[in-house]
Amino acid sequence: MTAVAREHLADSIPDPAWAAWAADLVPTVAIAAVIAWLDAGQPDPQHAADRVRDAVRGVITAAQHA
């Protein structure tokens, strides 16, 4: 997962150290977000993917502003 994330993030995060950080964190955030959504009773399923995407984008944005 990290290798795939690293490939996809390389162009959008110029600093290699922050790109590596994001590549390690993005899969963890995505998986944890889905598990937390399931544990919460699957609220608002039609928007769940958007919320997971927003959480992942938060990691990417943080790495871009380093």
PDB file of N, CA and C in Angstrom:
ATOM      1  N   MET A   1       0.823  -1.184   0.000  1.00  0.00           N
ATOM      2  CA  MET A   1       0.000   0.000   0.000  1.00  0.00           C
ATOM      3  C   MET A   1       0.873   1.255   0.000  1.00  0.00           C
ATOM      4  N   THR A   2       1.911   1.228   0.781  1.00  0.00           N
ATOM      5  CA  THR A   2       2.779   2.393   0.864  1.00  0.00           C
ATOM      6  C   THR A   2       3.449   2.681  -0.474  1.00  0.00           C
ATOM      7  N   ALA A   3       3.899   1.638  -1.150  1.00  0.00           N
ATOM      8  CA  ALA A   3       4.557   1.828  -2.451  1.00  0.00           C
ATOM      9  C   ALA A   3       3.602   2.445  -3.464  1.00  0.00           C
ATOM     10  N   VAL A   4       2.380   1.976  -3.488  1.00  0.00           N
ATOM     11  CA  VAL A   4       1.384   2.526  -4.418  1.00  0.00           C
ATOM     12  C   VAL A   4       1.094   3.979  -4.047  1.00  0.00           C
ATOM     13  N   ALA A   5       0.919   4.250  -2.766  1.00  0.00           N
ATOM     14  CA  ALA A   5       0.670   5.626  -2.334  1.00  0.00           C
ATOM     15  C   ALA A   5       1.846   6.515  -2.715  1.00  0.00           C
ATOM     16  N   ARG A   6       3.055   6.023  -2.536  1.00  0.00           N
ATOM     17  CA  ARG A   6       4.245   6.821  -2.865  1.00  0.00           C
ATOM     18  C   ARG A   6       4.259   7.182  -4.347  1.00  0.00           C
ATOM     19  N   GLU A   7       3.913   6.235  -5.202  1.00  0.00           N
ATOM     20  CA  GLU A   7       3.854   6.510  -6.646  1.00  0.00           C
ATOM     21  C   GLU A   7       2.844   7.605  -6.963  1.00  0.00           C
ATOM     22  N   HIS A   8       1.698   7.541  -6.325  1.00  0.00           N
ATOM     23  CA  HIS A   8       0.632   8.503  -6.610  1.00  0.00           C
ATOM     24  C   HIS A   8       0.884   9.878  -6.011  1.00  0.00           C
ATOM     25  N   LEU A   9       1.667   9.934  -4.953  1.00  0.00           N
ATOM     26  CA  LEU A   9       1.889  11.202  -4.267  1.00  0.00           C
ATOM     27  C   LEU A   9       3.154  11.927  -4.711  1.00  0.00           C
ATOM     28  N   ALA A  10       4.018  11.262  -5.430  1.00  0.00           N
ATOM     29  CA  ALA A  10       5.324  11.825  -5.788  1.00  0.00           C
ATOM     30  C   ALA A  10       5.203  13.169  -6.503  1.00  0.00           C
ATOM     31  N   ASP A  11       4.263  13.302  -7.396  1.00  0.00           N
ATOM     32  CA  ASP A  11       4.127  14.549  -8.156  1.00  0.00           C
ATOM     33  C   ASP A  11       3.471  15.674  -7.357  1.00  0.00           C
ATOM     34  N   SER A  12       2.673  15.341  -6.374  1.00  0.00           N
ATOM     35  CA  SER A  12       1.929  16.380  -5.660  1.00  0.00           C
ATOM     36  C   SER A  12       2.593  16.830  -4.356  1.00  0.00           C
ATOM     37  N   ILE A  13       3.602  16.082  -3.906  1.00  0.00           N
ATOM     38  CA  ILE A  13       4.319  16.465  -2.684  1.00  0.00           C
ATOM     39  C   ILE A  13       5.802  16.532  -3.031  1.00  0.00           C
ATOM     40  N   PRO A  14       6.325  17.741  -3.232  1.00  0.00           N
ATOM     41  CA  PRO A  14       7.688  17.884  -3.736  1.00  0.00           C
ATOM     42  C   PRO A  14       8.799  17.443  -2.773  1.00  0.00           C
ATOM     43  N   ASP A  15       8.594  17.610  -1.479  1.00  0.00           N
ATOM     44  CA  ASP A  15       9.625  17.234  -0.512  1.00  0.00           C
ATOM     45  C   ASP A  15       9.604  15.716  -0.318  1.00  0.00           C
ATOM     46  N   PRO A  16      10.694  15.028  -0.638  1.00  0.00           N
ATOM     47  CA  PRO A  16      10.710  13.557  -0.550  1.00  0.00           C
ATOM     48  C   PRO A  16      10.431  13.023   0.859  1.00  0.00           C
ATOM     49  N   ALA A  17      10.901  13.711   1.875  1.00  0.00           N
ATOM     50  CA  ALA A  17      10.666  13.236   3.236  1.00  0.00           C
ATOM     51  C   ALA A  17       9.184  13.318   3.597  1.00  0.00           C
ATOM     52  N   TRP A  18       8.540  14.427   3.218  1.00  0.00           N
ATOM     53  CA  TRP A  18       7.116  14.567   3.508  1.00  0.00           C
ATOM     54  C   TRP A  18       6.277  13.665   2.615  1.00  0.00           C
ATOM     55  N   ALA A  19       6.737  13.422   1.404  1.00  0.00           N
ATOM     56  CA  ALA A  19       6.037  12.478   0.524  1.00  0.00           C
ATOM     57  C   ALA A  19       6.077  11.076   1.124  1.00  0.00           C
ATOM     58  N   ALA A  20       7.223  10.694   1.694  1.00  0.00           N
ATOM     59  CA  ALA A  20       7.336   9.376   2.337  1.00  0.00           C
ATOM     60  C   ALA A  20       6.435   9.293   3.562  1.00  0.00           C
ATOM     61  N   TRP A  21       6.387  10.392   4.331  1.00  0.00           N
ATOM     62  CA  TRP A  21       5.513  10.440   5.506  1.00  0.00           C
ATOM     63  C   TRP A  21       4.057  10.246   5.093  1.00  0.00           C
ATOM     64  N   ALA A  22       3.633  10.984   4.073  1.00  0.00           N
ATOM     65  CA  ALA A  22       2.249  10.889   3.610  1.00  0.00           C
ATOM     66  C   ALA A  22       1.957   9.500   3.053  1.00  0.00           C
ATOM     67  N   ALA A  23       2.909   8.939   2.313  1.00  0.00           N
ATOM     68  CA  ALA A  23       2.703   7.604   1.737  1.00  0.00           C
ATOM     69  C   ALA A  23       2.540   6.548   2.826  1.00  0.00           C
ATOM     70  N   ASP A  24       3.222   6.723   3.948  1.00  0.00           N
ATOM     71  CA  ASP A  24       3.052   5.798   5.072  1.00  0.00           C
ATOM     72  C   ASP A  24       1.726   6.019   5.784  1.00  0.00           C
ATOM     73  N   LEU A  25       1.298   7.280   5.858  1.00  0.00           N
ATOM     74  CA  LEU A  25       0.114   7.615   6.651  1.00  0.00           C
ATOM     75  C   LEU A  25      -1.199   7.465   5.897  1.00  0.00           C
ATOM     76  N   VAL A  26      -1.222   7.748   4.610  1.00  0.00           N
ATOM     77  CA  VAL A  26      -2.473   7.716   3.841  1.00  0.00           C
ATOM     78  C   VAL A  26      -3.188   6.362   3.933  1.00  0.00           C
ATOM     79  N   PRO A  27      -2.515   5.228   3.713  1.00  0.00           N
ATOM     80  CA  PRO A  27      -3.246   3.954   3.832  1.00  0.00           C
ATOM     81  C   PRO A  27      -3.798   3.720   5.248  1.00  0.00           C
ATOM     82  N   THR A  28      -3.030   4.116   6.244  1.00  0.00           N
ATOM     83  CA  THR A  28      -3.478   3.946   7.630  1.00  0.00           C
ATOM     84  C   THR A  28      -4.724   4.770   7.908  1.00  0.00           C
ATOM     85  N   VAL A  29      -4.722   6.009   7.442  1.00  0.00           N
ATOM     86  CA  VAL A  29      -5.884   6.890   7.645  1.00  0.00           C
ATOM     87  C   VAL A  29      -7.103   6.338   6.911  1.00  0.00           C
ATOM     88  N   ALA A  30      -6.913   5.898   5.687  1.00  0.00           N
ATOM     89  CA  ALA A  30      -8.040   5.362   4.908  1.00  0.00           C
ATOM     90  C   ALA A  30      -8.649   4.134   5.583  1.00  0.00           C
ATOM     91  N   ILE A  31      -7.805   3.221   6.004  1.00  0.00           N
ATOM     92  CA  ILE A  31      -8.303   2.002   6.658  1.00  0.00           C
ATOM     93  C   ILE A  31      -8.978   2.340   7.987  1.00  0.00           C
ATOM     94  N   ALA A  32      -8.338   3.178   8.786  1.00  0.00           N
ATOM     95  CA  ALA A  32      -8.913   3.558  10.075  1.00  0.00           C
ATOM     96  C   ALA A  32     -10.237   4.294   9.899  1.00  0.00           C
ATOM     97  N   ALA A  33     -10.334   5.130   8.860  1.00  0.00           N
ATOM     98  CA  ALA A  33     -11.582   5.857   8.616  1.00  0.00           C
ATOM     99  C   ALA A  33     -12.719   4.902   8.278  1.00  0.00           C
ATOM    100  N   VAL A  34     -12.444   3.906   7.478  1.00  0.00           N
ATOM    101  CA  VAL A  34     -13.486   2.926   7.128  1.00  0.00           C
ATOM    102  C   VAL A  34     -13.890   2.116   8.351  1.00  0.00           C
ATOM    103  N   ILE A  35     -12.922   1.677   9.127  1.00  0.00           N
ATOM    104  CA  ILE A  35     -13.238   0.904  10.332  1.00  0.00           C
ATOM    105  C   ILE A  35     -14.042   1.755  11.316  1.00  0.00           C
ATOM    106  N   ALA A  36     -13.646   3.002  11.506  1.00  0.00           N
ATOM    107  CA  ALA A  36     -14.389   3.885  12.416  1.00  0.00           C
ATOM    108  C   ALA A  36     -15.805   4.120  11.918  1.00  0.00           C
ATOM    109  N   TRP A  37     -15.963   4.254  10.596  1.00  0.00           N
ATOM    110  CA  TRP A  37     -17.293   4.439  10.017  1.00  0.00           C
ATOM    111  C   TRP A  37     -18.152   3.199  10.285  1.00  0.00           C
ATOM    112  N   LEU A  38     -17.576   2.019  10.099  1.00  0.00           N
ATOM    113  CA  LEU A  38     -18.319   0.782  10.382  1.00  0.00           C
ATOM    114  C   LEU A  38     -18.692   0.704  11.862  1.00  0.00           C
ATOM    115  N   ASP A  39     -17.733   1.025  12.727  1.00  0.00           N
ATOM    116  CA  ASP A  39     -17.984   0.981  14.169  1.00  0.00           C
ATOM    117  C   ASP A  39     -19.052   1.986  14.601  1.00  0.00           C
ATOM    118  N   ALA A  40     -19.176   3.087  13.872  1.00  0.00           N
ATOM    119  CA  ALA A  40     -20.164   4.122  14.210  1.00  0.00           C
ATOM    120  C   ALA A  40     -21.552   3.777  13.690  1.00  0.00           C
ATOM    121  N   GLY A  41     -21.699   2.621  13.060  1.00  0.00           N
ATOM    122  CA  GLY A  41     -23.008   2.206  12.569  1.00  0.00           C
ATOM    123  C   GLY A  41     -23.274   2.600  11.130  1.00  0.00           C
ATOM    124  N   GLN A  42     -22.223   2.922  10.383  1.00  0.00           N
ATOM    125  CA  GLN A  42     -22.299   3.262   8.962  1.00  0.00           C
ATOM    126  C   GLN A  42     -23.214   4.461   8.687  1.00  0.00           C
ATOM    127  N   PRO A  43     -22.951   5.580   9.375  1.00  0.00           N
ATOM    128  CA  PRO A  43     -23.802   6.743   9.166  1.00  0.00           C
ATOM    129  C   PRO A  43     -23.656   7.327   7.763  1.00  0.00           C
ATOM    130  N   ASP A  44     -24.740   7.830   7.227  1.00  0.00           N
ATOM    131  CA  ASP A  44     -24.745   8.564   5.968  1.00  0.00           C
ATOM    132  C   ASP A  44     -23.945   7.849   4.871  1.00  0.00           C
ATOM    133  N   PRO A  45     -24.326   6.610   4.541  1.00  0.00           N
ATOM    134  CA  PRO A  45     -23.511   5.809   3.617  1.00  0.00           C
ATOM    135  C   PRO A  45     -23.291   6.438   2.245  1.00  0.00           C
ATOM    136  N   GLN A  46     -24.225   7.257   1.787  1.00  0.00           N
ATOM    137  CA  GLN A  46     -24.051   7.859   0.461  1.00  0.00           C
ATOM    138  C   GLN A  46     -22.929   8.899   0.435  1.00  0.00           C
ATOM    139  N   HIS A  47     -22.478   9.350   1.607  1.00  0.00           N
ATOM    140  CA  HIS A  47     -21.402  10.343   1.667  1.00  0.00           C
ATOM    141  C   HIS A  47     -20.145   9.816   2.368  1.00  0.00           C
ATOM    142  N   ALA A  48     -20.158   8.554   2.754  1.00  0.00           N
ATOM    143  CA  ALA A  48     -19.029   7.996   3.509  1.00  0.00           C
ATOM    144  C   ALA A  48     -17.726   8.044   2.714  1.00  0.00           C
ATOM    145  N   ALA A  49     -17.767   7.692   1.458  1.00  0.00           N
ATOM    146  CA  ALA A  49     -16.540   7.705   0.647  1.00  0.00           C
ATOM    147  C   ALA A  49     -15.973   9.121   0.538  1.00  0.00           C
ATOM    148  N   ASP A  50     -16.849  10.111   0.440  1.00  0.00           N
ATOM    149  CA  ASP A  50     -16.390  11.501   0.386  1.00  0.00           C
ATOM    150  C   ASP A  50     -15.679  11.897   1.678  1.00  0.00           C
ATOM    151  N   ARG A  51     -16.189  11.429   2.791  1.00  0.00           N
ATOM    152  CA  ARG A  51     -15.583  11.771   4.081  1.00  0.00           C
ATOM    153  C   ARG A  51     -14.223  11.096   4.238  1.00  0.00           C
ATOM    154  N   VAL A  52     -14.123   9.849   3.808  1.00  0.00           N
ATOM    155  CA  VAL A  52     -12.832   9.153   3.851  1.00  0.00           C
ATOM    156  C   VAL A  52     -11.837   9.880   2.942  1.00  0.00           C
ATOM    157  N   ARG A  53     -12.286  10.248   1.760  1.00  0.00           N
ATOM    158  CA  ARG A  53     -11.424  10.991   0.834  1.00  0.00           C
ATOM    159  C   ARG A  53     -10.958  12.299   1.459  1.00  0.00           C
ATOM    160  N   ASP A  54     -11.843  13.003   2.152  1.00  0.00           N
ATOM    161  CA  ASP A  54     -11.477  14.261   2.801  1.00  0.00           C
ATOM    162  C   ASP A  54     -10.409  14.038   3.881  1.00  0.00           C
ATOM    163  N   ALA A  55     -10.524  12.948   4.620  1.00  0.00           N
ATOM    164  CA  ALA A  55      -9.519  12.640   5.646  1.00  0.00           C
ATOM    165  C   ALA A  55      -8.157  12.382   5.000  1.00  0.00           C
ATOM    166  N   VAL A  56      -8.159  11.631   3.900  1.00  0.00           N
ATOM    167  CA  VAL A  56      -6.919  11.356   3.181  1.00  0.00           C
ATOM    168  C   VAL A  56      -6.347  12.648   2.606  1.00  0.00           C
ATOM    169  N   ARG A  57      -7.204  13.484   2.064  1.00  0.00           N
ATOM    170  CA  ARG A  57      -6.737  14.770   1.531  1.00  0.00           C
ATOM    171  C   ARG A  57      -6.118  15.633   2.616  1.00  0.00           C
ATOM    172  N   GLY A  58      -6.610  15.511   3.831  1.00  0.00           N
ATOM    173  CA  GLY A  58      -6.018  16.253   4.945  1.00  0.00           C
ATOM    174  C   GLY A  58      -4.557  15.887   5.157  1.00  0.00           C
ATOM    175  N   VAL A  59      -4.254  14.612   5.065  1.00  0.00           N
ATOM    176  CA  VAL A  59      -2.861  14.169   5.182  1.00  0.00           C
ATOM    177  C   VAL A  59      -2.036  14.743   4.045  1.00  0.00           C
ATOM    178  N   ILE A  60      -2.555  14.650   2.844  1.00  0.00           N
ATOM    179  CA  ILE A  60      -1.828  15.142   1.662  1.00  0.00           C
ATOM    180  C   ILE A  60      -1.602  16.634   1.772  1.00  0.00           C
ATOM    181  N   THR A  61      -2.620  17.376   2.156  1.00  0.00           N
ATOM    182  CA  THR A  61      -2.487  18.822   2.311  1.00  0.00           C
ATOM    183  C   THR A  61      -1.436  19.175   3.356  1.00  0.00           C
ATOM    184  N   ALA A  62      -1.443  18.456   4.465  1.00  0.00           N
ATOM    185  CA  ALA A  62      -0.452  18.709   5.505  1.00  0.00           C
ATOM    186  C   ALA A  62       0.961  18.487   4.973  1.00  0.00           C
ATOM    187  N   ALA A  63       1.157  17.462   4.181  1.00  0.00           N
ATOM    188  CA  ALA A  63       2.484  17.165   3.631  1.00  0.00           C
ATOM    189  C   ALA A  63       2.893  18.189   2.576  1.00  0.00           C
ATOM    190  N   GLN A  64       1.944  18.703   1.853  1.00  0.00           N
ATOM    191  CA  GLN A  64       2.251  19.694   0.812  1.00  0.00           C
ATOM    192  C   GLN A  64       2.683  21.026   1.406  1.00  0.00           C
ATOM    193  N   HIS A  65       2.217  21.332   2.595  1.00  0.00           N
ATOM    194  CA  HIS A  65       2.497  22.623   3.224  1.00  0.00           C
ATOM    195  C   HIS A  65       3.688  22.568   4.159  1.00  0.00           C
ATOM    196  N   ALA A  66       4.442  21.509   4.074  1.00  0.00           N
ATOM    197  CA  ALA A  66       5.599  21.356   4.962  1.00  0.00           C
ATOM    198  C   ALA A  66       6.725  22.274   4.561  1.00  0.00           C
TER     199      ALA A  66
END
